[in-house]
Amino acid sequence: MADPYDHRAVLSFPYASERRARVVHDAIHVEVGGIDDDRSTADATRSGATVEVVVRARDLVALRAGVNTWTRLVETAETVAAVAEA
């Protein structure tokens, strides 16, 4: 079966520690599947101290919106993680 999503963006977020990456990943991963629509989807994975978000979309407008959404989610998770460690 062919992938219905013609466009893809890979967002990579490296962290100073595996712990910080795990905290950010755990915070955003709960949104995977929850904010998908008929034009875009995303997945979040972690490998060591790096979190990777892959956004796939049917069109460039949906891709831009997905990238903006996931970037904001990661930014919020980073802010909360930093405050929690302070």
N, C-alpha and C. Protein backbone atom coordinates (compact mmCIF):
# COMPACT_ATOMS: atom_id res chain seq x y z
N MET A 1 0.84 -1.18 0.00
CA MET A 1 0.00 0.00 0.00
C MET A 1 0.89 1.25 0.00
N ALA A 2 0.59 2.18 -0.86
CA ALA A 2 1.38 3.41 -0.98
C ALA A 2 1.08 4.35 0.18
N ASP A 3 2.08 5.12 0.55
CA ASP A 3 1.93 6.11 1.60
C ASP A 3 1.10 7.28 1.05
N PRO A 4 -0.03 7.61 1.67
CA PRO A 4 -0.87 8.69 1.16
C PRO A 4 -0.30 10.08 1.43
N TYR A 5 0.79 10.15 2.18
CA TYR A 5 1.39 11.44 2.54
C TYR A 5 2.58 11.71 1.62
N ASP A 6 2.47 12.76 0.82
CA ASP A 6 3.50 13.09 -0.16
C ASP A 6 4.68 13.87 0.42
N HIS A 7 4.48 14.50 1.57
CA HIS A 7 5.50 15.39 2.14
C HIS A 7 5.88 14.92 3.54
N ARG A 8 7.14 15.20 3.88
CA ARG A 8 7.65 14.73 5.17
C ARG A 8 8.70 15.70 5.69
N ALA A 9 8.68 15.93 6.99
CA ALA A 9 9.72 16.73 7.65
C ALA A 9 10.19 15.95 8.87
N VAL A 10 11.49 15.91 9.06
CA VAL A 10 12.08 15.23 10.21
C VAL A 10 12.69 16.30 11.11
N LEU A 11 12.18 16.38 12.33
CA LEU A 11 12.66 17.35 13.31
C LEU A 11 13.48 16.59 14.35
N SER A 12 14.72 17.01 14.54
CA SER A 12 15.62 16.33 15.47
C SER A 12 15.99 17.29 16.59
N PHE A 13 15.81 16.83 17.83
CA PHE A 13 16.08 17.66 19.01
C PHE A 13 17.10 16.95 19.90
N PRO A 14 18.37 17.34 19.83
CA PRO A 14 19.39 16.73 20.70
C PRO A 14 19.40 17.41 22.07
N TYR A 15 19.65 16.62 23.11
CA TYR A 15 19.69 17.13 24.48
C TYR A 15 21.02 16.77 25.13
N ALA A 16 21.33 17.48 26.18
CA ALA A 16 22.59 17.26 26.89
C ALA A 16 22.60 15.92 27.63
N SER A 17 21.40 15.42 27.96
CA SER A 17 21.34 14.15 28.68
C SER A 17 20.20 13.28 28.15
N GLU A 18 20.37 12.00 28.33
CA GLU A 18 19.33 11.05 27.95
C GLU A 18 18.09 11.25 28.81
N ARG A 19 18.30 11.64 30.06
CA ARG A 19 17.16 11.88 30.96
C ARG A 19 16.28 13.00 30.44
N ARG A 20 16.89 14.11 30.02
CA ARG A 20 16.10 15.23 29.50
C ARG A 20 15.36 14.81 28.23
N ALA A 21 16.01 14.07 27.36
CA ALA A 21 15.36 13.60 26.14
C ALA A 21 14.18 12.70 26.47
N ARG A 22 14.33 11.84 27.46
CA ARG A 22 13.25 10.95 27.87
C ARG A 22 12.07 11.74 28.42
N VAL A 23 12.34 12.76 29.23
CA VAL A 23 11.27 13.58 29.79
C VAL A 23 10.50 14.30 28.68
N VAL A 24 11.22 14.89 27.73
CA VAL A 24 10.57 15.60 26.62
C VAL A 24 9.78 14.61 25.77
N HIS A 25 10.39 13.50 25.43
CA HIS A 25 9.71 12.50 24.61
C HIS A 25 8.44 12.00 25.28
N ASP A 26 8.53 11.67 26.55
CA ASP A 26 7.35 11.16 27.26
C ASP A 26 6.23 12.20 27.28
N ALA A 27 6.61 13.47 27.40
CA ALA A 27 5.60 14.53 27.44
C ALA A 27 4.89 14.71 26.10
N ILE A 28 5.62 14.61 25.00
CA ILE A 28 5.00 14.84 23.70
C ILE A 28 4.40 13.59 23.09
N HIS A 29 4.92 12.43 23.46
CA HIS A 29 4.47 11.19 22.82
C HIS A 29 2.99 10.92 23.07
N VAL A 30 2.45 11.42 24.15
CA VAL A 30 1.02 11.21 24.44
C VAL A 30 0.13 11.88 23.39
N GLU A 31 0.68 12.84 22.66
CA GLU A 31 -0.08 13.54 21.62
C GLU A 31 -0.08 12.81 20.28
N VAL A 32 0.80 11.84 20.11
CA VAL A 32 0.87 11.10 18.84
C VAL A 32 -0.47 10.41 18.59
N GLY A 33 -1.03 10.65 17.43
CA GLY A 33 -2.31 10.08 17.07
C GLY A 33 -3.50 10.92 17.52
N GLY A 34 -3.30 11.73 18.54
CA GLY A 34 -4.39 12.52 19.08
C GLY A 34 -4.68 13.80 18.31
N ILE A 35 -3.67 14.31 17.60
CA ILE A 35 -3.89 15.55 16.86
C ILE A 35 -3.75 15.34 15.35
N ASP A 36 -3.71 14.10 14.92
CA ASP A 36 -3.70 13.80 13.49
C ASP A 36 -5.03 14.19 12.88
N ASP A 37 -5.01 14.47 11.60
CA ASP A 37 -6.24 14.68 10.86
C ASP A 37 -6.12 14.00 9.50
N ASP A 38 -7.05 14.26 8.61
CA ASP A 38 -7.00 13.57 7.32
C ASP A 38 -5.89 14.08 6.41
N ARG A 39 -5.22 15.19 6.80
CA ARG A 39 -4.16 15.75 5.96
C ARG A 39 -2.75 15.55 6.51
N SER A 40 -2.64 15.22 7.80
CA SER A 40 -1.29 15.07 8.35
C SER A 40 -1.27 14.11 9.53
N THR A 41 -0.08 13.60 9.80
CA THR A 41 0.15 12.70 10.92
C THR A 41 1.59 12.90 11.40
N ALA A 42 1.87 12.42 12.60
CA ALA A 42 3.23 12.56 13.12
C ALA A 42 3.54 11.42 14.08
N ASP A 43 4.83 11.20 14.28
CA ASP A 43 5.29 10.22 15.25
C ASP A 43 6.50 10.79 15.96
N ALA A 44 6.67 10.41 17.21
CA ALA A 44 7.81 10.88 18.00
C ALA A 44 8.56 9.67 18.54
N THR A 45 9.88 9.69 18.37
CA THR A 45 10.72 8.61 18.87
C THR A 45 11.91 9.21 19.62
N ARG A 46 12.56 8.37 20.40
CA ARG A 46 13.77 8.80 21.12
C ARG A 46 14.85 7.77 20.93
N SER A 47 16.05 8.25 20.70
CA SER A 47 17.22 7.39 20.63
C SER A 47 18.30 8.05 21.45
N GLY A 48 18.58 7.47 22.60
CA GLY A 48 19.58 8.08 23.48
C GLY A 48 19.13 9.46 23.91
N ALA A 49 19.97 10.46 23.64
CA ALA A 49 19.69 11.83 24.06
C ALA A 49 19.07 12.67 22.96
N THR A 50 18.47 12.03 21.96
CA THR A 50 17.86 12.75 20.84
C THR A 50 16.40 12.34 20.68
N VAL A 51 15.55 13.34 20.56
CA VAL A 51 14.14 13.12 20.25
C VAL A 51 13.94 13.48 18.78
N GLU A 52 13.22 12.62 18.07
CA GLU A 52 12.95 12.88 16.66
C GLU A 52 11.44 12.84 16.43
N VAL A 53 10.96 13.86 15.74
CA VAL A 53 9.55 13.93 15.36
C VAL A 53 9.49 13.91 13.84
N VAL A 54 8.71 12.99 13.29
CA VAL A 54 8.51 12.92 11.85
C VAL A 54 7.07 13.34 11.57
N VAL A 55 6.94 14.42 10.82
CA VAL A 55 5.62 14.92 10.42
C VAL A 55 5.43 14.55 8.95
N ARG A 56 4.31 13.93 8.63
CA ARG A 56 3.99 13.59 7.24
C ARG A 56 2.67 14.25 6.88
N ALA A 57 2.57 14.75 5.64
CA ALA A 57 1.36 15.48 5.25
C ALA A 57 1.05 15.28 3.78
N ARG A 58 -0.20 15.49 3.46
CA ARG A 58 -0.66 15.37 2.07
C ARG A 58 -0.29 16.59 1.24
N ASP A 59 -0.14 17.75 1.89
CA ASP A 59 0.17 18.98 1.16
C ASP A 59 1.09 19.85 2.02
N LEU A 60 1.70 20.84 1.41
CA LEU A 60 2.69 21.67 2.10
C LEU A 60 2.08 22.55 3.19
N VAL A 61 0.85 22.98 3.01
CA VAL A 61 0.20 23.79 4.05
C VAL A 61 0.02 22.95 5.31
N ALA A 62 -0.44 21.73 5.15
CA ALA A 62 -0.61 20.83 6.29
C ALA A 62 0.73 20.47 6.91
N LEU A 63 1.77 20.33 6.10
CA LEU A 63 3.10 20.04 6.63
C LEU A 63 3.59 21.20 7.49
N ARG A 64 3.44 22.42 6.99
CA ARG A 64 3.85 23.59 7.77
C ARG A 64 3.10 23.66 9.09
N ALA A 65 1.80 23.44 9.06
CA ALA A 65 1.00 23.47 10.28
C ALA A 65 1.45 22.38 11.26
N GLY A 66 1.71 21.19 10.74
CA GLY A 66 2.18 20.11 11.59
C GLY A 66 3.54 20.39 12.22
N VAL A 67 4.46 20.92 11.42
CA VAL A 67 5.78 21.27 11.95
C VAL A 67 5.65 22.34 13.04
N ASN A 68 4.82 23.35 12.80
CA ASN A 68 4.62 24.39 13.81
C ASN A 68 4.03 23.81 15.09
N THR A 69 3.04 22.96 14.96
CA THR A 69 2.40 22.35 16.13
C THR A 69 3.39 21.53 16.94
N TRP A 70 4.14 20.66 16.28
CA TRP A 70 5.07 19.79 17.00
C TRP A 70 6.25 20.55 17.57
N THR A 71 6.69 21.59 16.88
CA THR A 71 7.76 22.42 17.43
C THR A 71 7.31 23.10 18.71
N ARG A 72 6.08 23.60 18.72
CA ARG A 72 5.54 24.23 19.94
C ARG A 72 5.39 23.21 21.07
N LEU A 73 4.93 22.01 20.75
CA LEU A 73 4.79 20.98 21.78
C LEU A 73 6.14 20.64 22.41
N VAL A 74 7.16 20.50 21.58
CA VAL A 74 8.51 20.21 22.09
C VAL A 74 9.01 21.39 22.93
N GLU A 75 8.82 22.60 22.45
CA GLU A 75 9.26 23.78 23.19
C GLU A 75 8.59 23.86 24.56
N THR A 76 7.31 23.58 24.61
CA THR A 76 6.59 23.59 25.89
C THR A 76 7.12 22.51 26.83
N ALA A 77 7.35 21.32 26.30
CA ALA A 77 7.89 20.22 27.12
C ALA A 77 9.28 20.58 27.64
N GLU A 78 10.10 21.22 26.82
CA GLU A 78 11.44 21.65 27.26
C GLU A 78 11.34 22.67 28.38
N THR A 79 10.43 23.61 28.26
CA THR A 79 10.25 24.64 29.29
C THR A 79 9.83 24.03 30.62
N VAL A 80 8.86 23.14 30.55
CA VAL A 80 8.37 22.49 31.77
C VAL A 80 9.47 21.63 32.39
N ALA A 81 10.23 20.91 31.58
CA ALA A 81 11.32 20.07 32.10
C ALA A 81 12.37 20.94 32.79
N ALA A 82 12.69 22.09 32.21
CA ALA A 82 13.69 22.98 32.82
C ALA A 82 13.20 23.53 34.15
N VAL A 83 11.94 23.91 34.21
CA VAL A 83 11.39 24.43 35.47
C VAL A 83 11.35 23.34 36.52
N ALA A 84 11.00 22.13 36.13
CA ALA A 84 10.92 21.02 37.08
C ALA A 84 12.28 20.68 37.67
N GLU A 85 13.34 20.88 36.89
CA GLU A 85 14.69 20.57 37.39
C GLU A 85 15.26 21.69 38.25
N ALA A 86 14.69 22.87 38.16
CA ALA A 86 15.23 24.03 38.91
C ALA A 86 14.93 23.94 40.38
